[in-house]
Amino acid sequence: MQVLVIGAAGLLGRALLYADQWVGDHITGAGPGDADIRDQDQVEQLFTKLRPDWTVLTAAYTDVDGCEKDPERAHQVNCAGAIHVARSAQESGSKLLFLSTDYVFDGCKNGPYEPEDAVAPLNVYGHSKAQAEDGIRRIIPEACILRTSWLFGATGRCFPNTILELAQTRKNLTVVADQTGCPTFNRDLAKIIAKLVRAGARGTIHATNAGQCNWYEFACETLRAAGVTGVSVSPVSSEDFPRPARRPGRSVLSGASLTAFSVHPRHWKEALGDYLRERSRAADGQELTPRGTTCD
């Protein structure tokens, strides 16, 4: 099976090129230099060249506050770009898995969000992703829309990396404690995606690591697991830490939709151990060898 990963340079895209479940498949990663998804012609040329059986679209403008400041870019990348990919996938006969987000919800539900729950995004980023979902479904009704949340990995921009970096120079940290979600390790999500692709998944699915927490708890557990001492973490409210974009107060995603594929993700605290070990290896210059290739 030929699998194309668009967004291969990103936090999840890089992990997808290493996923163990791709044994027997040919994985090709494409980045901005291979095709700008905002340009339909470039996307069409990429599909004409590679003719994938499956396409996994992870490319996105994920800076939530940046999207709020630049809604036009958010729309062009996250919505228009996704629709360009869907059109080319449909025309070339490729199946599609699109990465979406918990931020399509407003966070007002007491329990975990199910895939069929109505979306009500609070910010530009969430709106751009929700619009992309709708556009993709119109073009490829059988597409797989995979929502995830709070993605982290050993290299790249993510919450635990930021916390560990801040702890090197600060003795006192403040972290919001009134936003609850599900941390998701990029390696674990990559393995889930590989399994869904190989199972021919379709429809809307939620995928995160097991367990939930708020950002304050996530920070404390990250520092504890890393053995960092002498750094205090104080919980604050979102009002005490204003940001350009509003965040949902509770965007926990239900994992029930994964059970049909016999997928039972481990707890995010357990994943932290592998994250920290990989982060340590990366700091020592020990690079893993990807199974996939990149476009020429």
C-alpha atoms as a PDB file:
ATOM      1  CA  MET A   1       0.000   0.000   0.000  1.00  0.00           C
ATOM      2  CA  GLN A   2       1.225   3.467  -0.951  1.00  0.00           C
ATOM      3  CA  VAL A   3       0.662   5.997   1.854  1.00  0.00           C
ATOM      4  CA  LEU A   4       1.269   9.727   1.497  1.00  0.00           C
ATOM      5  CA  VAL A   5       1.776  11.816   4.654  1.00  0.00           C
ATOM      6  CA  ILE A   6       1.251  15.530   3.965  1.00  0.00           C
ATOM      7  CA  GLY A   7       2.804  17.543   6.771  1.00  0.00           C
ATOM      8  CA  ALA A   8       5.722  15.164   7.290  1.00  0.00           C
ATOM      9  CA  ALA A   9       7.880  17.854   8.908  1.00  0.00           C
ATOM     10  CA  GLY A  10       5.409  18.449  11.742  1.00  0.00           C
ATOM     11  CA  LEU A  11       5.134  16.985  15.223  1.00  0.00           C
ATOM     12  CA  LEU A  12       2.819  14.178  14.120  1.00  0.00           C
ATOM     13  CA  GLY A  13       4.026  13.880  10.537  1.00  0.00           C
ATOM     14  CA  ARG A  14       7.564  13.031  11.621  1.00  0.00           C
ATOM     15  CA  ALA A  15       6.256  10.348  13.974  1.00  0.00           C
ATOM     16  CA  LEU A  16       4.173   8.815  11.189  1.00  0.00           C
ATOM     17  CA  LEU A  17       7.317   8.132   9.171  1.00  0.00           C
ATOM     18  CA  TYR A  18       8.548   5.913  12.038  1.00  0.00           C
ATOM     19  CA  ALA A  19       5.335   4.068  12.926  1.00  0.00           C
ATOM     20  CA  ASP A  20       6.006   0.342  13.434  1.00  0.00           C
ATOM     21  CA  GLN A  21       2.697  -0.728  11.860  1.00  0.00           C
ATOM     22  CA  TRP A  22       3.780   0.384   8.393  1.00  0.00           C
ATOM     23  CA  VAL A  23       5.682  -2.877   7.804  1.00  0.00           C
ATOM     24  CA  GLY A  24       4.972  -3.929   4.216  1.00  0.00           C
ATOM     25  CA  ASP A  25       3.681  -0.499   3.183  1.00  0.00           C
ATOM     26  CA  HIS A  26       5.504   2.290   1.351  1.00  0.00           C
ATOM     27  CA  ILE A  27       5.295   5.616   3.194  1.00  0.00           C
ATOM     28  CA  THR A  28       6.173   8.911   1.537  1.00  0.00           C
ATOM     29  CA  GLY A  29       6.322  12.168   3.466  1.00  0.00           C
ATOM     30  CA  ALA A  30       5.663  15.531   1.836  1.00  0.00           C
ATOM     31  CA  GLY A  31       6.387  18.943   3.344  1.00  0.00           C
ATOM     32  CA  PRO A  32       5.835  22.569   2.284  1.00  0.00           C
ATOM     33  CA  GLY A  33       8.746  22.345  -0.148  1.00  0.00           C
ATOM     34  CA  ASP A  34       7.024  19.516  -1.997  1.00  0.00           C
ATOM     35  CA  ALA A  35       3.606  21.132  -2.262  1.00  0.00           C
ATOM     36  CA  ASP A  36       1.969  24.175  -0.703  1.00  0.00           C
ATOM     37  CA  ILE A  37      -1.509  22.898   0.120  1.00  0.00           C
ATOM     38  CA  ARG A  38      -2.865  26.424  -0.376  1.00  0.00           C
ATOM     39  CA  ASP A  39      -2.133  25.962  -4.099  1.00  0.00           C
ATOM     40  CA  GLN A  40      -4.487  23.501  -5.796  1.00  0.00           C
ATOM     41  CA  ASP A  41      -2.160  23.048  -8.785  1.00  0.00           C
ATOM     42  CA  GLN A  42       0.780  22.054  -6.575  1.00  0.00           C
ATOM     43  CA  VAL A  43      -1.392  19.566  -4.699  1.00  0.00           C
ATOM     44  CA  GLU A  44      -2.644  18.036  -7.939  1.00  0.00           C
ATOM     45  CA  GLN A  45       0.917  17.647  -9.209  1.00  0.00           C
ATOM     46  CA  LEU A  46       1.886  15.861  -5.972  1.00  0.00           C
ATOM     47  CA  PHE A  47      -0.945  13.356  -6.333  1.00  0.00           C
ATOM     48  CA  THR A  48      -0.233  12.827 -10.036  1.00  0.00           C
ATOM     49  CA  LYS A  49       3.373  12.029  -9.168  1.00  0.00           C
ATOM     50  CA  LEU A  50       2.768   9.705  -6.208  1.00  0.00           C
ATOM     51  CA  ARG A  51      -0.683   8.166  -6.790  1.00  0.00           C
ATOM     52  CA  PRO A  52      -1.182   7.156  -3.126  1.00  0.00           C
ATOM     53  CA  ASP A  53      -3.712   4.576  -1.993  1.00  0.00           C
ATOM     54  CA  TRP A  54      -4.121   6.495   1.276  1.00  0.00           C
ATOM     55  CA  THR A  55      -3.361  10.089   2.196  1.00  0.00           C
ATOM     56  CA  VAL A  56      -2.877  11.264   5.778  1.00  0.00           C
ATOM     57  CA  LEU A  57      -3.223  15.037   6.061  1.00  0.00           C
ATOM     58  CA  THR A  58      -1.470  16.393   9.144  1.00  0.00           C
ATOM     59  CA  ALA A  59      -0.311  19.726   7.665  1.00  0.00           C
ATOM     60  CA  ALA A  60      -1.944  22.646   9.468  1.00  0.00           C
ATOM     61  CA  TYR A  61      -1.415  26.057  10.997  1.00  0.00           C
ATOM     62  CA  THR A  62      -1.617  24.924  14.632  1.00  0.00           C
ATOM     63  CA  ASP A  63      -0.572  28.110  16.441  1.00  0.00           C
ATOM     64  CA  VAL A  64      -3.928  28.763  18.125  1.00  0.00           C
ATOM     65  CA  ASP A  65      -3.133  32.349  19.099  1.00  0.00           C
ATOM     66  CA  GLY A  66      -1.450  32.931  15.745  1.00  0.00           C
ATOM     67  CA  CYS A  67      -4.656  31.852  14.004  1.00  0.00           C
ATOM     68  CA  GLU A  68      -6.603  34.366  16.066  1.00  0.00           C
ATOM     69  CA  LYS A  69      -4.277  37.141  14.927  1.00  0.00           C
ATOM     70  CA  ASP A  70      -4.196  35.985  11.296  1.00  0.00           C
ATOM     71  CA  PRO A  71      -7.566  34.390  10.453  1.00  0.00           C
ATOM     72  CA  GLU A  72      -6.905  34.612   6.724  1.00  0.00           C
ATOM     73  CA  ARG A  73      -3.831  32.392   6.981  1.00  0.00           C
ATOM     74  CA  ALA A  74      -5.720  30.018   9.257  1.00  0.00           C
ATOM     75  CA  HIS A  75      -8.497  29.673   6.689  1.00  0.00           C
ATOM     76  CA  GLN A  76      -6.149  29.297   3.732  1.00  0.00           C
ATOM     77  CA  VAL A  77      -4.069  26.548   5.358  1.00  0.00           C
ATOM     78  CA  ASN A  78      -6.501  24.703   7.619  1.00  0.00           C
ATOM     79  CA  CYS A  79      -9.660  24.934   5.540  1.00  0.00           C
ATOM     80  CA  ALA A  80      -8.887  25.779   1.902  1.00  0.00           C
ATOM     81  CA  GLY A  81      -5.697  23.720   1.961  1.00  0.00           C
ATOM     82  CA  ALA A  82      -7.489  20.696   3.383  1.00  0.00           C
ATOM     83  CA  ILE A  83     -10.199  20.981   0.723  1.00  0.00           C
ATOM     84  CA  HIS A  84      -7.529  21.154  -1.993  1.00  0.00           C
ATOM     85  CA  VAL A  85      -6.067  17.897  -0.695  1.00  0.00           C
ATOM     86  CA  ALA A  86      -9.501  16.278  -0.512  1.00  0.00           C
ATOM     87  CA  ARG A  87     -10.277  17.209  -4.111  1.00  0.00           C
ATOM     88  CA  SER A  88      -6.998  15.806  -5.390  1.00  0.00           C
ATOM     89  CA  ALA A  89      -7.401  12.662  -3.298  1.00  0.00           C
ATOM     90  CA  GLN A  90     -10.901  12.125  -4.651  1.00  0.00           C
ATOM     91  CA  GLU A  91      -9.794  12.657  -8.244  1.00  0.00           C
ATOM     92  CA  SER A  92      -6.834  10.288  -7.904  1.00  0.00           C
ATOM     93  CA  GLY A  93      -8.785   7.594  -6.052  1.00  0.00           C
ATOM     94  CA  SER A  94      -6.903   7.986  -2.774  1.00  0.00           C
ATOM     95  CA  LYS A  95      -8.600   7.421   0.569  1.00  0.00           C
ATOM     96  CA  LEU A  96      -8.124  10.231   3.081  1.00  0.00           C
ATOM     97  CA  LEU A  97      -7.512  10.579   6.804  1.00  0.00           C
ATOM     98  CA  PHE A  98      -7.684  14.181   8.061  1.00  0.00           C
ATOM     99  CA  LEU A  99      -6.346  15.303  11.431  1.00  0.00           C
ATOM    100  CA  SER A 100      -8.727  17.560  13.317  1.00  0.00           C
ATOM    101  CA  THR A 101      -8.910  18.838  16.878  1.00  0.00           C
ATOM    102  CA  ASP A 102     -10.780  18.945  20.173  1.00  0.00           C
ATOM    103  CA  TYR A 103     -11.002  22.711  19.672  1.00  0.00           C
ATOM    104  CA  VAL A 104     -14.000  22.225  17.372  1.00  0.00           C
ATOM    105  CA  PHE A 105     -15.948  21.979  20.669  1.00  0.00           C
ATOM    106  CA  ASP A 106     -16.831  24.752  23.125  1.00  0.00           C
ATOM    107  CA  GLY A 107     -15.980  22.769  26.263  1.00  0.00           C
ATOM    108  CA  CYS A 108     -19.419  23.119  27.864  1.00  0.00           C
ATOM    109  CA  LYS A 109     -20.234  19.401  27.972  1.00  0.00           C
ATOM    110  CA  ASN A 110     -19.806  17.752  31.372  1.00  0.00           C
ATOM    111  CA  GLY A 111     -18.710  14.402  29.962  1.00  0.00           C
ATOM    112  CA  PRO A 112     -16.336  13.379  27.158  1.00  0.00           C
ATOM    113  CA  TYR A 113     -17.186  14.483  23.635  1.00  0.00           C
ATOM    114  CA  GLU A 114     -18.363  11.795  21.235  1.00  0.00           C
ATOM    115  CA  PRO A 115     -17.733  12.061  17.459  1.00  0.00           C
ATOM    116  CA  GLU A 116     -21.399  12.777  16.757  1.00  0.00           C
ATOM    117  CA  ASP A 117     -21.644  15.720  19.194  1.00  0.00           C
ATOM    118  CA  ALA A 118     -22.359  19.097  17.624  1.00  0.00           C
ATOM    119  CA  VAL A 119     -19.325  21.306  17.085  1.00  0.00           C
ATOM    120  CA  ALA A 120     -19.210  24.864  18.451  1.00  0.00           C
ATOM    121  CA  PRO A 121     -15.660  26.241  18.211  1.00  0.00           C
ATOM    122  CA  LEU A 122     -14.638  29.202  20.338  1.00  0.00           C
ATOM    123  CA  ASN A 123     -11.652  30.376  18.312  1.00  0.00           C
ATOM    124  CA  VAL A 124     -10.443  30.868  14.739  1.00  0.00           C
ATOM    125  CA  TYR A 125      -8.320  27.707  14.798  1.00  0.00           C
ATOM    126  CA  GLY A 126     -11.301  25.581  15.821  1.00  0.00           C
ATOM    127  CA  HIS A 127     -13.527  27.274  13.230  1.00  0.00           C
ATOM    128  CA  SER A 128     -11.012  26.624  10.444  1.00  0.00           C
ATOM    129  CA  LYS A 129     -10.808  22.939  11.372  1.00  0.00           C
ATOM    130  CA  ALA A 130     -14.587  22.547  11.695  1.00  0.00           C
ATOM    131  CA  GLN A 131     -15.070  24.131   8.262  1.00  0.00           C
ATOM    132  CA  ALA A 132     -12.440  21.793   6.834  1.00  0.00           C
ATOM    133  CA  GLU A 133     -14.276  18.793   8.268  1.00  0.00           C
ATOM    134  CA  ASP A 134     -17.493  19.863   6.558  1.00  0.00           C
ATOM    135  CA  GLY A 135     -15.754  20.545   3.250  1.00  0.00           C
ATOM    136  CA  ILE A 136     -13.955  17.209   3.261  1.00  0.00           C
ATOM    137  CA  ARG A 137     -17.141  15.273   4.039  1.00  0.00           C
ATOM    138  CA  ARG A 138     -18.863  16.877   1.051  1.00  0.00           C
ATOM    139  CA  ILE A 139     -16.037  15.850  -1.284  1.00  0.00           C
ATOM    140  CA  ILE A 140     -15.212  12.427   0.216  1.00  0.00           C
ATOM    141  CA  PRO A 141     -18.148  11.249   2.359  1.00  0.00           C
ATOM    142  CA  GLU A 142     -16.210   8.134   3.395  1.00  0.00           C
ATOM    143  CA  ALA A 143     -13.146  10.076   4.571  1.00  0.00           C
ATOM    144  CA  CYS A 144     -11.798   9.448   8.059  1.00  0.00           C
ATOM    145  CA  ILE A 145     -11.890  12.572  10.252  1.00  0.00           C
ATOM    146  CA  LEU A 146      -9.614  11.929  13.227  1.00  0.00           C
ATOM    147  CA  ARG A 147      -9.869  14.387  16.115  1.00  0.00           C
ATOM    148  CA  THR A 148      -7.123  14.465  18.711  1.00  0.00           C
ATOM    149  CA  SER A 149      -5.909  16.796  21.468  1.00  0.00           C
ATOM    150  CA  TRP A 150      -2.933  18.162  23.377  1.00  0.00           C
ATOM    151  CA  LEU A 151      -0.325  16.543  21.131  1.00  0.00           C
ATOM    152  CA  PHE A 152       3.218  16.246  22.468  1.00  0.00           C
ATOM    153  CA  GLY A 153       6.476  14.724  21.291  1.00  0.00           C
ATOM    154  CA  ALA A 154      10.195  14.705  21.989  1.00  0.00           C
ATOM    155  CA  THR A 155      11.130  17.285  19.360  1.00  0.00           C
ATOM    156  CA  GLY A 156       9.216  20.315  18.188  1.00  0.00           C
ATOM    157  CA  ARG A 157       6.855  22.758  19.804  1.00  0.00           C
ATOM    158  CA  CYS A 158       4.593  21.267  22.478  1.00  0.00           C
ATOM    159  CA  PHE A 159       3.530  21.905  26.070  1.00  0.00           C
ATOM    160  CA  PRO A 160       5.857  19.550  28.001  1.00  0.00           C
ATOM    161  CA  ASN A 161       8.884  20.704  25.976  1.00  0.00           C
ATOM    162  CA  THR A 162       8.011  24.294  26.863  1.00  0.00           C
ATOM    163  CA  ILE A 163       7.628  23.438  30.552  1.00  0.00           C
ATOM    164  CA  LEU A 164      10.966  21.615  30.691  1.00  0.00           C
ATOM    165  CA  GLU A 165      12.708  24.455  28.881  1.00  0.00           C
ATOM    166  CA  LEU A 166      11.228  27.074  31.221  1.00  0.00           C
ATOM    167  CA  ALA A 167      12.248  25.005  34.241  1.00  0.00           C
ATOM    168  CA  GLN A 168      15.889  25.384  33.218  1.00  0.00           C
ATOM    169  CA  THR A 169      15.822  29.126  33.826  1.00  0.00           C
ATOM    170  CA  ARG A 170      12.892  29.728  36.196  1.00  0.00           C
ATOM    171  CA  LYS A 171      12.175  28.538  39.720  1.00  0.00           C
ATOM    172  CA  ASN A 172       8.511  29.531  39.705  1.00  0.00           C
ATOM    173  CA  LEU A 173       6.012  28.666  36.973  1.00  0.00           C
ATOM    174  CA  THR A 174       2.329  29.516  36.665  1.00  0.00           C
ATOM    175  CA  VAL A 175       0.042  27.260  34.623  1.00  0.00           C
ATOM    176  CA  VAL A 176      -3.700  27.408  33.990  1.00  0.00           C
ATOM    177  CA  ALA A 177      -5.727  24.838  35.893  1.00  0.00           C
ATOM    178  CA  ASP A 178      -9.235  25.382  34.498  1.00  0.00           C
ATOM    179  CA  GLN A 179      -8.781  23.793  31.066  1.00  0.00           C
ATOM    180  CA  THR A 180      -9.094  20.006  30.952  1.00  0.00           C
ATOM    181  CA  GLY A 181      -8.219  17.684  28.092  1.00  0.00           C
ATOM    182  CA  CYS A 182      -6.397  14.521  27.047  1.00  0.00           C
ATOM    183  CA  PRO A 183      -2.626  14.628  26.388  1.00  0.00           C
ATOM    184  CA  THR A 184      -1.610  12.587  23.346  1.00  0.00           C
ATOM    185  CA  PHE A 185       1.904  11.269  22.633  1.00  0.00           C
ATOM    186  CA  ASN A 186       2.746  11.657  18.943  1.00  0.00           C
ATOM    187  CA  ARG A 187       4.290   8.164  18.695  1.00  0.00           C
ATOM    188  CA  ASP A 188       1.161   6.556  20.109  1.00  0.00           C
ATOM    189  CA  LEU A 189      -1.119   8.537  17.811  1.00  0.00           C
ATOM    190  CA  ALA A 190       1.033   7.615  14.804  1.00  0.00           C
ATOM    191  CA  LYS A 191       0.591   3.927  15.614  1.00  0.00           C
ATOM    192  CA  ILE A 192      -3.157   4.405  15.973  1.00  0.00           C
ATOM    193  CA  ILE A 193      -3.329   6.167  12.605  1.00  0.00           C
ATOM    194  CA  ALA A 194      -1.369   3.397  10.903  1.00  0.00           C
ATOM    195  CA  LYS A 195      -3.796   0.833  12.317  1.00  0.00           C
ATOM    196  CA  LEU A 196      -6.838   2.857  11.218  1.00  0.00           C
ATOM    197  CA  VAL A 197      -5.471   3.282   7.710  1.00  0.00           C
ATOM    198  CA  ARG A 198      -4.754  -0.413   7.377  1.00  0.00           C
ATOM    199  CA  ALA A 199      -8.263  -1.164   8.658  1.00  0.00           C
ATOM    200  CA  GLY A 200      -9.849   1.152   6.088  1.00  0.00           C
ATOM    201  CA  ALA A 201     -11.372   3.434   8.730  1.00  0.00           C
ATOM    202  CA  ARG A 202     -14.028   5.944   7.731  1.00  0.00           C
ATOM    203  CA  GLY A 203     -16.220   8.488   9.496  1.00  0.00           C
ATOM    204  CA  THR A 204     -15.342  10.610  12.524  1.00  0.00           C
ATOM    205  CA  ILE A 205     -13.124   9.082  15.208  1.00  0.00           C
ATOM    206  CA  HIS A 206     -11.598  10.445  18.415  1.00  0.00           C
ATOM    207  CA  ALA A 207      -8.082   9.327  19.344  1.00  0.00           C
ATOM    208  CA  THR A 208      -6.012  10.353  22.378  1.00  0.00           C
ATOM    209  CA  ASN A 209      -4.049   8.653  25.108  1.00  0.00           C
ATOM    210  CA  ALA A 210      -6.168   7.411  28.017  1.00  0.00           C
ATOM    211  CA  GLY A 211      -6.721   9.673  31.002  1.00  0.00           C
ATOM    212  CA  GLN A 212      -7.364  13.371  31.362  1.00  0.00           C
ATOM    213  CA  CYS A 213      -5.896  16.310  33.251  1.00  0.00           C
ATOM    214  CA  ASN A 214      -5.631  20.073  33.258  1.00  0.00           C
ATOM    215  CA  TRP A 215      -2.579  21.980  32.075  1.00  0.00           C
ATOM    216  CA  TYR A 216      -1.362  22.508  35.652  1.00  0.00           C
ATOM    217  CA  GLU A 217      -1.509  18.768  36.364  1.00  0.00           C
ATOM    218  CA  PHE A 218       0.204  18.046  33.033  1.00  0.00           C
ATOM    219  CA  ALA A 219       3.045  20.408  33.957  1.00  0.00           C
ATOM    220  CA  CYS A 220       3.477  18.951  37.434  1.00  0.00           C
ATOM    221  CA  GLU A 221       3.556  15.372  36.173  1.00  0.00           C
ATOM    222  CA  THR A 222       6.025  16.257  33.418  1.00  0.00           C
ATOM    223  CA  LEU A 223       8.450  17.804  35.903  1.00  0.00           C
ATOM    224  CA  ARG A 224       8.012  14.910  38.348  1.00  0.00           C
ATOM    225  CA  ALA A 225       8.609  12.280  35.661  1.00  0.00           C
ATOM    226  CA  ALA A 226      11.684  14.167  34.448  1.00  0.00           C
ATOM    227  CA  GLY A 227      13.107  14.308  37.959  1.00  0.00           C
ATOM    228  CA  VAL A 228      13.133  18.099  38.024  1.00  0.00           C
ATOM    229  CA  THR A 229      13.344  19.536  41.549  1.00  0.00           C
ATOM    230  CA  GLY A 230      13.533  23.037  42.946  1.00  0.00           C
ATOM    231  CA  VAL A 231      10.833  24.366  40.608  1.00  0.00           C
ATOM    232  CA  SER A 232       7.418  25.353  41.972  1.00  0.00           C
ATOM    233  CA  VAL A 233       4.280  25.340  39.821  1.00  0.00           C
ATOM    234  CA  SER A 234       1.300  27.500  40.785  1.00  0.00           C
ATOM    235  CA  PRO A 235      -2.204  26.976  39.354  1.00  0.00           C
ATOM    236  CA  VAL A 236      -3.960  30.004  37.867  1.00  0.00           C
ATOM    237  CA  SER A 237      -7.212  30.620  36.023  1.00  0.00           C
ATOM    238  CA  SER A 238      -7.532  31.423  32.342  1.00  0.00           C
ATOM    239  CA  GLU A 239      -8.567  34.933  33.358  1.00  0.00           C
ATOM    240  CA  ASP A 240      -5.220  35.332  35.125  1.00  0.00           C
ATOM    241  CA  PHE A 241      -3.395  34.239  31.975  1.00  0.00           C
ATOM    242  CA  PRO A 242      -5.173  35.997  29.073  1.00  0.00           C
ATOM    243  CA  ARG A 243      -4.475  34.789  25.543  1.00  0.00           C
ATOM    244  CA  PRO A 244      -5.698  36.095  22.157  1.00  0.00           C
ATOM    245  CA  ALA A 245      -7.739  32.945  21.517  1.00  0.00           C
ATOM    246  CA  ARG A 246     -10.347  31.516  23.873  1.00  0.00           C
ATOM    247  CA  ARG A 247      -9.862  27.882  24.872  1.00  0.00           C
ATOM    248  CA  PRO A 248     -12.593  25.398  25.832  1.00  0.00           C
ATOM    249  CA  GLY A 249     -12.749  24.708  29.543  1.00  0.00           C
ATOM    250  CA  ARG A 250     -13.271  20.974  29.092  1.00  0.00           C
ATOM    251  CA  SER A 251     -12.481  19.366  25.727  1.00  0.00           C
ATOM    252  CA  VAL A 252     -12.055  15.741  26.783  1.00  0.00           C
ATOM    253  CA  LEU A 253     -12.532  13.392  23.821  1.00  0.00           C
ATOM    254  CA  SER A 254     -14.178  10.011  24.291  1.00  0.00           C
ATOM    255  CA  GLY A 255     -12.130   7.040  23.112  1.00  0.00           C
ATOM    256  CA  ALA A 256     -15.159   4.810  22.534  1.00  0.00           C
ATOM    257  CA  SER A 257     -14.943   5.156  18.742  1.00  0.00           C
ATOM    258  CA  LEU A 258     -11.571   3.376  18.788  1.00  0.00           C
ATOM    259  CA  THR A 259     -12.944   0.211  20.360  1.00  0.00           C
ATOM    260  CA  ALA A 260     -14.358  -0.972  17.027  1.00  0.00           C
ATOM    261  CA  PHE A 261     -10.744  -1.223  15.845  1.00  0.00           C
ATOM    262  CA  SER A 262      -9.550  -2.990  19.020  1.00  0.00           C
ATOM    263  CA  VAL A 263      -7.437   0.054  19.895  1.00  0.00           C
ATOM    264  CA  HIS A 264      -6.962   0.732  23.609  1.00  0.00           C
ATOM    265  CA  PRO A 265      -4.416   3.538  24.098  1.00  0.00           C
ATOM    266  CA  ARG A 266      -2.236   3.552  27.199  1.00  0.00           C
ATOM    267  CA  HIS A 267      -2.475   6.284  29.837  1.00  0.00           C
ATOM    268  CA  TRP A 268      -0.738   9.547  29.016  1.00  0.00           C
ATOM    269  CA  LYS A 269       1.353   9.278  32.197  1.00  0.00           C
ATOM    270  CA  GLU A 270       2.778   5.977  30.959  1.00  0.00           C
ATOM    271  CA  ALA A 271       3.562   7.572  27.584  1.00  0.00           C
ATOM    272  CA  LEU A 272       5.509  10.341  29.344  1.00  0.00           C
ATOM    273  CA  GLY A 273       8.284   7.857  30.124  1.00  0.00           C
ATOM    274  CA  ASP A 274       8.876   7.069  26.451  1.00  0.00           C
ATOM    275  CA  TYR A 275       8.609  10.763  25.587  1.00  0.00           C
ATOM    276  CA  LEU A 276      11.321  11.668  28.095  1.00  0.00           C
ATOM    277  CA  ARG A 277      13.617   8.859  26.963  1.00  0.00           C
ATOM    278  CA  GLU A 278      13.247   9.902  23.336  1.00  0.00           C
ATOM    279  CA  ARG A 279      13.816  13.545  24.277  1.00  0.00           C
ATOM    280  CA  SER A 280      17.020  12.568  26.037  1.00  0.00           C
ATOM    281  CA  ARG A 281      18.233  10.600  23.007  1.00  0.00           C
ATOM    282  CA  ALA A 282      17.414  13.525  20.713  1.00  0.00           C
ATOM    283  CA  ALA A 283      19.438  15.853  22.953  1.00  0.00           C
ATOM    284  CA  ASP A 284      22.361  13.437  22.597  1.00  0.00           C
ATOM    285  CA  GLY A 285      22.040  13.500  18.817  1.00  0.00           C
ATOM    286  CA  GLN A 286      20.707   9.960  18.532  1.00  0.00           C
ATOM    287  CA  GLU A 287      18.297  10.011  15.598  1.00  0.00           C
ATOM    288  CA  LEU A 288      15.891   7.190  14.815  1.00  0.00           C
ATOM    289  CA  THR A 289      15.770   5.845  11.262  1.00  0.00           C
ATOM    290  CA  PRO A 290      12.388   6.447   9.602  1.00  0.00           C
ATOM    291  CA  ARG A 291      10.593   3.698   7.711  1.00  0.00           C
ATOM    292  CA  GLY A 292       9.216   6.215   5.258  1.00  0.00           C
ATOM    293  CA  THR A 293      10.805   8.329   2.575  1.00  0.00           C
ATOM    294  CA  THR A 294      10.412  11.964   1.596  1.00  0.00           C
ATOM    295  CA  CYS A 295       9.623  13.463  -1.779  1.00  0.00           C
ATOM    296  CA  ASP A 296      12.535  14.330  -4.028  1.00  0.00           C
END
